[in-house]
Protein backbone atom coordinates (compact mmCIF):
# COMPACT_ATOMS: atom_id res chain seq x y z
CA MET A 1 -12.24 2.58 -10.88
CA SER A 2 -12.36 -0.53 -13.09
CA ASP A 3 -13.54 0.33 -16.95
CA ASN A 4 -11.44 0.30 -20.25
CA ASN A 5 -9.10 -2.06 -18.88
CA ILE A 6 -7.68 0.06 -16.18
CA THR A 7 -7.85 -0.70 -12.43
CA SER A 8 -6.74 1.59 -9.32
CA VAL A 9 -4.04 0.58 -6.51
CA ALA A 10 -3.63 1.81 -3.74
CA VAL A 11 0.33 2.11 -2.33
CA CYS A 12 1.81 2.53 1.11
CA GLY A 13 4.88 3.15 1.14
CA LEU A 14 7.86 2.75 -0.74
CA HIS A 15 5.73 2.76 -4.35
CA MET A 16 4.46 6.09 -3.56
CA THR A 17 5.86 9.38 -5.05
CA GLY A 18 8.94 10.44 -3.74
CA PHE A 19 9.95 6.57 -2.53
CA ASN A 20 12.75 4.46 -4.45
CA LEU A 21 10.11 1.71 -5.83
CA ASN A 22 7.70 4.41 -7.73
CA SER A 23 9.08 3.75 -10.85
CA GLN A 24 8.27 0.14 -11.12
CA LEU A 25 5.06 2.04 -11.47
CA THR A 26 5.68 4.86 -13.56
CA ASN A 27 7.49 2.68 -15.62
CA LEU A 28 4.55 0.12 -16.38
CA GLY A 29 2.86 3.38 -17.59
CA ALA A 30 0.93 4.12 -13.99
CA THR A 31 -0.88 7.33 -13.29
CA TYR A 32 -1.29 8.93 -10.32
CA GLN A 33 -4.85 9.86 -9.12
CA LYS A 34 -5.04 10.65 -5.54
CA THR A 35 -3.83 10.66 -1.76
CA VAL A 36 -6.51 9.10 0.45
CA ASN A 37 -6.24 7.62 3.52
CA SER A 38 -7.69 3.73 3.97
CA ALA A 39 -10.90 2.87 6.08
CA PRO A 40 -9.50 3.33 10.32
CA ILE A 41 -9.55 -0.86 10.59
CA TYR A 42 -5.68 -1.32 9.78
CA LYS A 43 -2.56 -1.31 11.05
CA LEU A 44 0.86 -0.38 9.77
CA TYR A 45 4.00 -1.90 10.53
CA ALA A 46 7.63 -1.49 9.72
CA LEU A 47 8.46 -4.82 8.61
CA PRO A 48 12.18 -6.44 9.36
CA THR A 49 13.18 -6.58 5.61
CA PHE A 50 16.09 -4.38 4.06
CA PRO A 51 15.57 -1.59 2.49
CA GLU A 52 12.57 -1.47 5.58
CA LYS A 53 9.51 -1.65 3.90
CA PRO A 54 5.89 -0.75 5.89
CA GLY A 55 3.30 -3.85 5.22
CA MET A 56 -0.33 -3.03 6.19
CA ALA A 57 -3.10 -5.32 7.50
CA ARG A 58 -6.80 -5.48 8.30
CA VAL A 59 -7.35 -5.74 12.08
CA GLU A 60 -10.75 -6.88 13.99
CA SER A 61 -10.33 -3.85 15.70
CA ASN A 62 -8.37 -0.77 17.01
CA GLY A 63 -7.61 0.09 13.46
CA SER A 64 -6.23 3.64 12.55
CA SER A 65 -6.43 5.10 8.99
CA ILE A 66 -3.20 5.05 6.93
CA GLU A 67 -2.70 7.63 3.96
CA VAL A 68 -2.26 5.35 0.29
CA GLU A 69 -1.99 6.67 -2.81
CA VAL A 70 -4.00 5.68 -6.02
CA TRP A 71 -2.54 4.94 -9.17
CA ASN A 72 -4.52 3.80 -11.90
CA LEU A 73 -2.37 0.90 -14.02
CA SER A 74 -3.63 -1.10 -16.63
CA TYR A 75 -4.95 -4.91 -16.67
CA ASP A 76 -1.40 -6.06 -18.30
CA ALA A 77 0.83 -3.86 -16.19
CA LEU A 78 -1.09 -4.76 -12.73
CA GLY A 79 -0.10 -8.94 -13.60
CA LYS A 80 3.32 -7.21 -14.12
CA PHE A 81 3.36 -5.35 -11.29
CA LEU A 82 2.54 -8.02 -9.22
CA THR A 83 5.31 -10.46 -10.23
CA MET A 84 7.74 -7.77 -8.49
CA ILE A 85 6.11 -8.17 -4.93
CA PRO A 86 8.39 -10.05 -2.89
CA SER A 87 7.08 -11.72 0.03
CA PRO A 88 5.57 -11.21 3.29
CA LEU A 89 3.68 -8.61 0.55
CA GLY A 90 0.87 -8.65 -1.96
CA LEU A 91 -1.94 -7.64 -3.46
CA GLY A 92 -5.53 -7.50 -2.15
CA LYS A 93 -8.54 -5.51 -1.93
CA ILE A 94 -7.96 -1.99 0.72
CA LYS A 95 -11.30 -0.11 2.04
CA LEU A 96 -10.70 3.37 1.74
CA GLU A 97 -12.45 6.00 3.66
CA ASP A 98 -15.07 6.63 1.51
CA GLY A 99 -16.15 3.18 1.88
CA SER A 100 -15.15 2.25 -1.66
CA GLU A 101 -12.71 -0.66 -2.35
CA VAL A 102 -9.63 -0.53 -4.72
CA THR A 103 -7.31 -3.43 -4.92
CA GLY A 104 -3.47 -2.73 -2.60
CA PHE A 105 -1.25 -4.12 -1.01
CA ILE A 106 -1.38 -6.05 2.17
CA CYS A 107 1.01 -8.37 4.26
CA GLU A 108 1.10 -11.48 5.51
CA PRO A 109 0.33 -12.13 9.28
CA TYR A 110 3.14 -14.09 10.11
CA VAL A 111 5.85 -11.30 9.88
CA ILE A 112 3.38 -8.74 12.33
CA SER A 113 4.81 -10.37 15.43
CA HIS A 114 8.57 -9.68 14.11
CA SER A 115 7.71 -5.97 12.93
CA TYR A 116 7.42 -2.72 14.73
CA ASP A 117 3.83 -1.13 14.61
CA ILE A 118 3.90 2.11 13.23
CA SER A 119 0.45 3.12 12.84
CA ILE A 120 0.33 6.23 14.83
CA TYR A 121 1.67 7.85 12.47
CA GLY A 122 -1.01 7.29 9.42
CA GLY A 123 1.59 6.39 7.14
CA TRP A 124 4.51 5.62 5.88
CA ARG A 125 5.97 9.43 4.68
CA ASN A 126 4.70 10.65 8.14
CA TYR A 127 6.82 7.63 9.64
CA ILE A 128 9.85 8.05 7.93
CA LYS A 129 10.00 12.34 8.43
CA ASN A 130 9.29 11.63 12.11
CA LYS A 131 12.15 8.87 11.92
């Protein structure tokens, strides 16, 4: 969605509803749109950070669908949100299961070899529940 200075942002971890960084979105006036899955072209990793957080990376083969929440943010709020995101995470384009693309969290590849592949869980929420 991109009209009237509003854009959609997909989150896949600690910014989701019920997790400790969700307030970063809500404090910026973001509104929840929907929970959906990504296209099956990603891997989700538990990153070696404290606190532990997920990183989603697009792969060439053997990808999985990953649960994401889509939130609506103003362009100004998106700029502020971007400054809060620490490396190795960033924002890029995420393809959803319906073929549409939205801005969303992506992970820099350098950290993947030091991370645990949790794609089998289909998302961060399910990984945390089964941990």
